[in-house]
Amino acid sequence: MKKFFVFLLSLLIIITFYVKVYAVIPSGYTAVSFLNGGNNFIYSDNPESFSVTPNDLFYLWGASLNTTPKDVEMYHILYNGWNSNNKLMVGIAIRNSNNSPVTITFKGSGNAWDIQSNQSANAFEKTPVILRDYFNASYTYVTIPAYSTQVVYAINTNFVTGNYKFVFIRAQFQSSLSSNVWMRLFVAGENKINSTTFLNDLFNISSPNAPGTTNTFTGELLYTQKITTIVANVKTTYRFCEWPRPLSNINEYTGVVTYKSGPVSLNR
């Protein structure tokens, strides 16, 4: 969510500069209507910042997976709960509850950085290269046996004493089977990673267990794209990523399938 506000602020700064220099953009703007496009999108940013100790296992969000691709993005700033150099794993595990193997087609890009505070401004500038690498990545495949669970994509890193760990992941997953395949987004401390029951423990958690906050979002959306058409020969001004309310654009933020308790729904 904070990335969205930074983008909007940058857009408004550019528009203001254009007005001052050329003085041709009218003071008002024309509302536009949007349609959804792309895949379903799972976004994990609630809570954005939280503490992790070696004994912690956080189930952040889960979703079914089928023959239609789903995109995933994880954006989290993790506090070194024991102020140590313990291991940390952040990623996506998939469970096959079918009586036959499933093939998962996926691609992803991600990294972890040590930062000095939990302010998103210290992390946001690191995301473009990950998005570039994600779009340039090739698909790969993994087969999960019947009634089995596997970590399909993850960042393995270590805390550094006195630092926060910013982790950013962008990935896409698709199942060869149409049902009974489930994904879970997670954060795990060292003792949990080393446990023989790690994956069973993750899927035995009944609901996401990292406390939600009111200004960030975790959930599933119907889109990775918003599509609109504007007429090139009409002299008018349009505003995208419109915020705050009241909103003039139509359907720019609709399409929330489900979300973690805490934030206000963006549907209008």
Protein backbone atom coordinates (compact mmCIF):
# COMPACT_ATOMS: atom_id res chain seq x y z
CA MET A 1 0.00 0.00 0.00
CA LYS A 2 2.79 2.45 0.81
CA LYS A 3 4.33 1.79 -2.61
CA PHE A 4 1.06 2.92 -4.13
CA PHE A 5 1.11 6.22 -2.21
CA VAL A 6 4.72 6.91 -3.21
CA PHE A 7 3.81 6.35 -6.86
CA LEU A 8 0.81 8.68 -6.55
CA LEU A 9 2.94 11.36 -4.91
CA SER A 10 5.50 11.12 -7.71
CA LEU A 11 2.75 11.35 -10.31
CA LEU A 12 1.29 14.47 -8.70
CA ILE A 13 4.72 16.11 -8.51
CA ILE A 14 5.25 15.50 -12.23
CA ILE A 15 1.84 16.94 -13.09
CA THR A 16 2.46 20.03 -10.95
CA PHE A 17 5.80 20.64 -12.68
CA TYR A 18 4.14 20.30 -16.08
CA VAL A 19 1.52 22.91 -15.14
CA LYS A 20 4.10 25.42 -13.97
CA VAL A 21 6.30 25.12 -17.04
CA TYR A 22 3.76 24.82 -19.83
CA ALA A 23 0.61 26.17 -18.19
CA VAL A 24 -1.66 24.23 -20.54
CA ILE A 25 -3.16 21.51 -18.33
CA PRO A 26 -6.61 22.51 -17.04
CA SER A 27 -7.22 22.61 -13.33
CA GLY A 28 -9.81 19.82 -13.44
CA TYR A 29 -9.49 16.28 -14.70
CA THR A 30 -11.74 13.74 -16.38
CA ALA A 31 -12.76 10.57 -14.54
CA VAL A 32 -12.03 7.27 -16.26
CA SER A 33 -13.48 3.77 -15.87
CA PHE A 34 -11.33 0.67 -15.41
CA LEU A 35 -11.63 -3.02 -16.21
CA ASN A 36 -9.64 -5.81 -14.55
CA GLY A 37 -6.89 -7.65 -16.43
CA GLY A 38 -4.18 -10.23 -15.84
CA ASN A 39 -4.15 -12.95 -13.18
CA ASN A 40 -5.47 -13.11 -9.66
CA PHE A 41 -2.96 -11.39 -7.39
CA ILE A 42 -2.06 -12.28 -3.81
CA TYR A 43 -0.46 -9.33 -2.03
CA SER A 44 1.12 -9.71 1.43
CA ASP A 45 1.90 -6.50 3.34
CA ASN A 46 -0.23 -6.79 6.49
CA PRO A 47 1.48 -6.50 8.86
CA GLU A 48 4.23 -4.79 6.94
CA SER A 49 6.68 -4.79 9.85
CA PHE A 50 6.81 -7.33 12.69
CA SER A 51 9.21 -9.14 15.00
CA VAL A 52 10.53 -12.66 14.28
CA THR A 53 12.29 -14.92 16.80
CA PRO A 54 13.85 -18.36 16.12
CA ASN A 55 10.72 -20.08 17.45
CA ASP A 56 8.24 -18.16 15.30
CA LEU A 57 6.25 -19.51 12.38
CA PHE A 58 3.92 -16.99 10.76
CA TYR A 59 1.25 -18.05 8.30
CA LEU A 60 0.66 -14.79 6.41
CA TRP A 61 -1.94 -15.76 3.79
CA GLY A 62 -3.25 -18.79 1.94
CA ALA A 63 -5.13 -19.52 -1.28
CA SER A 64 -6.20 -22.34 -3.52
CA LEU A 65 -4.17 -22.97 -6.65
CA ASN A 66 -5.50 -24.34 -9.94
CA THR A 67 -4.76 -24.37 -13.67
CA THR A 68 -5.01 -20.58 -13.91
CA PRO A 69 -1.83 -18.71 -12.84
CA LYS A 70 -1.81 -16.67 -9.64
CA ASP A 71 0.70 -13.90 -8.96
CA VAL A 72 2.18 -13.34 -5.50
CA GLU A 73 3.98 -10.37 -3.98
CA MET A 74 5.43 -10.24 -0.46
CA TYR A 75 6.64 -6.97 1.06
CA HIS A 76 7.78 -7.24 4.70
CA ILE A 77 10.21 -5.53 7.06
CA LEU A 78 11.16 -8.00 9.79
CA TYR A 79 12.52 -7.08 13.20
CA ASN A 80 15.33 -9.17 14.68
CA GLY A 81 13.37 -10.40 17.71
CA TRP A 82 16.35 -11.82 19.62
CA ASN A 83 18.90 -9.37 18.20
CA SER A 84 20.98 -12.25 16.91
CA ASN A 85 22.29 -13.71 13.64
CA ASN A 86 19.69 -16.45 13.41
CA LYS A 87 18.43 -17.91 10.15
CA LEU A 88 15.22 -16.73 8.54
CA MET A 89 13.07 -18.13 5.73
CA VAL A 90 10.37 -16.21 3.85
CA GLY A 91 8.44 -17.80 1.04
CA ILE A 92 5.61 -19.88 -0.39
CA ALA A 93 4.83 -23.52 0.40
CA ILE A 94 2.38 -25.63 -1.61
CA ARG A 95 0.41 -28.67 -0.42
CA ASN A 96 -0.95 -31.32 -2.77
CA SER A 97 -4.02 -32.94 -1.21
CA ASN A 98 -4.72 -35.12 -4.27
CA ASN A 99 -4.06 -38.86 -4.61
CA SER A 100 -1.82 -38.19 -7.63
CA PRO A 101 1.26 -35.96 -8.20
CA VAL A 102 0.86 -32.34 -9.21
CA THR A 103 3.20 -30.29 -11.37
CA ILE A 104 3.68 -26.67 -10.30
CA THR A 105 4.80 -24.21 -12.98
CA PHE A 106 6.38 -21.14 -11.43
CA LYS A 107 8.83 -18.30 -11.72
CA GLY A 108 10.01 -15.78 -9.16
CA SER A 109 12.48 -13.16 -8.05
CA GLY A 110 13.28 -11.98 -4.56
CA ASN A 111 15.93 -10.78 -2.15
CA ALA A 112 16.54 -9.71 1.43
CA TRP A 113 18.40 -6.59 2.59
CA ASP A 114 19.63 -5.33 5.95
CA ILE A 115 18.21 -1.90 6.75
CA GLN A 116 18.58 0.38 9.74
CA SER A 117 14.91 1.06 10.51
CA ASN A 118 11.43 -0.24 9.76
CA GLN A 119 10.54 2.75 7.61
CA SER A 120 9.28 1.72 4.17
CA ALA A 121 11.23 4.57 2.55
CA ASN A 122 14.40 2.64 3.35
CA ALA A 123 13.09 -0.39 1.47
CA PHE A 124 11.00 0.91 -1.42
CA GLU A 125 13.94 1.88 -3.65
CA LYS A 126 15.14 -1.75 -3.68
CA THR A 127 12.02 -3.20 -5.34
CA PRO A 128 12.36 -2.20 -9.05
CA VAL A 129 15.26 -4.56 -9.79
CA ILE A 130 13.30 -7.49 -8.32
CA LEU A 131 10.29 -6.66 -10.50
CA ARG A 132 12.53 -6.41 -13.56
CA ASP A 133 14.11 -9.77 -12.82
CA TYR A 134 10.71 -11.35 -12.20
CA PHE A 135 9.36 -10.28 -15.60
CA ASN A 136 12.56 -11.50 -17.27
CA ALA A 137 12.61 -14.83 -15.43
CA SER A 138 11.96 -18.16 -17.13
CA TYR A 139 9.38 -20.63 -15.89
CA THR A 140 10.50 -23.76 -14.09
CA TYR A 141 8.68 -26.85 -12.80
CA VAL A 142 8.48 -28.94 -9.68
CA THR A 143 6.45 -32.10 -9.04
CA ILE A 144 4.88 -32.55 -5.62
CA PRO A 145 3.87 -36.15 -4.80
CA ALA A 146 0.37 -37.07 -3.64
CA TYR A 147 -0.48 -35.87 -0.14
CA SER A 148 2.78 -33.98 0.19
CA THR A 149 3.93 -30.44 0.92
CA GLN A 150 6.94 -28.55 -0.38
CA VAL A 151 8.50 -25.09 -0.16
CA VAL A 152 8.42 -24.06 -3.82
CA TYR A 153 9.95 -20.58 -3.61
CA ALA A 154 11.70 -18.94 -0.66
CA ILE A 155 14.40 -16.54 0.44
CA ASN A 156 16.84 -18.06 2.95
CA THR A 157 18.81 -15.45 4.85
CA ASN A 158 20.24 -14.53 8.25
CA PHE A 159 19.45 -11.67 10.55
CA VAL A 160 22.29 -9.26 11.27
CA THR A 161 22.53 -7.96 14.83
CA GLY A 162 21.12 -4.45 15.11
CA ASN A 163 19.38 -4.51 11.71
CA TYR A 164 15.95 -5.04 10.27
CA LYS A 165 15.55 -7.43 7.35
CA PHE A 166 13.54 -6.20 4.36
CA VAL A 167 12.27 -9.07 2.19
CA PHE A 168 10.61 -8.58 -1.19
CA ILE A 169 9.33 -11.40 -3.40
CA ARG A 170 7.41 -11.41 -6.67
CA ALA A 171 6.38 -14.80 -8.07
CA GLN A 172 3.76 -16.67 -10.08
CA PHE A 173 2.37 -20.19 -9.61
CA GLN A 174 0.16 -22.52 -11.61
CA SER A 175 -1.03 -26.06 -10.87
CA SER A 176 -1.49 -28.92 -13.35
CA LEU A 177 -4.52 -30.01 -11.29
CA SER A 178 -7.72 -28.01 -10.92
CA SER A 179 -8.42 -28.57 -7.23
CA ASN A 180 -7.07 -29.67 -3.84
CA VAL A 181 -3.81 -27.74 -4.23
CA TRP A 182 -3.09 -25.02 -1.66
CA MET A 183 -0.42 -22.37 -1.20
CA ARG A 184 0.62 -20.63 1.99
CA LEU A 185 2.83 -17.56 2.39
CA PHE A 186 5.01 -17.76 5.49
CA VAL A 187 7.86 -16.41 7.60
CA ALA A 188 9.83 -18.90 9.71
CA GLY A 189 12.55 -18.49 12.35
CA GLU A 190 15.58 -20.76 12.64
CA ASN A 191 14.20 -23.30 15.09
CA LYS A 192 11.07 -23.79 12.99
CA ILE A 193 13.09 -24.16 9.78
CA ASN A 194 15.14 -26.91 11.41
CA SER A 195 12.10 -28.73 12.77
CA THR A 196 11.06 -31.97 11.05
CA THR A 197 7.43 -30.91 11.44
CA PHE A 198 7.91 -27.43 9.92
CA LEU A 199 5.61 -27.83 6.91
CA ASN A 200 2.94 -29.78 8.78
CA ASP A 201 2.98 -27.09 11.46
CA LEU A 202 2.51 -24.41 8.81
CA PHE A 203 -0.56 -26.05 7.29
CA ASN A 204 -2.00 -26.91 10.69
CA ILE A 205 -2.31 -23.22 11.63
CA SER A 206 -6.03 -22.52 11.29
CA SER A 207 -5.84 -18.90 10.09
CA PRO A 208 -3.20 -16.22 9.38
CA ASN A 209 -1.48 -15.56 12.70
CA ALA A 210 0.54 -12.38 12.16
CA PRO A 211 -1.61 -9.57 13.68
CA GLY A 212 -3.22 -7.27 11.14
CA THR A 213 -2.90 -3.49 11.11
CA THR A 214 -5.18 -0.77 9.77
CA ASN A 215 -2.98 0.84 7.10
CA THR A 216 -1.63 -2.12 5.11
CA PHE A 217 -3.18 -4.88 2.99
CA THR A 218 -2.94 -8.64 2.67
CA GLY A 219 -5.39 -10.55 0.52
CA GLU A 220 -6.34 -11.71 -2.95
CA LEU A 221 -7.32 -9.44 -5.84
CA LEU A 222 -8.97 -10.28 -9.15
CA TYR A 223 -6.30 -8.57 -11.22
CA THR A 224 -2.67 -7.68 -11.80
CA GLN A 225 -3.70 -4.98 -14.28
CA LYS A 226 -6.24 -2.19 -14.51
CA ILE A 227 -7.26 -1.34 -18.07
CA THR A 228 -8.79 1.86 -19.40
CA THR A 229 -9.11 3.57 -22.76
CA ILE A 230 -8.50 7.28 -23.29
CA VAL A 231 -9.08 9.24 -26.48
CA ALA A 232 -5.81 10.65 -27.80
CA ASN A 233 -7.26 13.64 -29.66
CA VAL A 234 -9.32 14.93 -26.74
CA LYS A 235 -7.57 17.64 -24.76
CA THR A 236 -8.18 16.72 -21.18
CA THR A 237 -6.35 15.58 -18.05
CA TYR A 238 -6.65 12.17 -16.41
CA ARG A 239 -5.54 11.09 -12.95
CA PHE A 240 -4.40 7.54 -12.20
CA CYS A 241 -3.84 5.92 -8.79
CA GLU A 242 -6.42 8.39 -7.50
CA TRP A 243 -6.42 8.91 -3.74
CA PRO A 244 -7.73 9.89 -1.19
CA ARG A 245 -11.50 9.59 -1.18
CA PRO A 246 -13.89 10.73 -2.57
CA LEU A 247 -12.94 9.00 -5.83
CA SER A 248 -14.02 10.13 -9.28
CA ASN A 249 -12.55 7.22 -11.26
CA ILE A 250 -14.78 4.15 -11.63
CA ASN A 251 -13.66 0.65 -10.57
CA GLU A 252 -10.02 1.64 -10.10
CA TYR A 253 -9.89 -0.21 -6.78
CA THR A 254 -12.64 -2.80 -7.11
CA GLY A 255 -11.82 -6.47 -7.34
CA VAL A 256 -10.89 -7.53 -3.79
CA VAL A 257 -11.73 -11.24 -3.45
CA THR A 258 -10.85 -11.56 0.23
CA TYR A 259 -8.53 -9.83 2.65
CA LYS A 260 -7.06 -10.00 6.12
CA SER A 261 -8.99 -8.27 8.89
CA GLY A 262 -7.63 -4.86 9.76
CA PRO A 263 -7.60 -2.71 6.61
CA VAL A 264 -10.64 -1.03 5.11
CA SER A 265 -11.84 -2.75 1.94
CA LEU A 266 -10.96 -0.82 -1.21
CA ASN A 267 -14.13 -1.83 -3.03
CA ARG A 268 -16.42 1.09 -3.82
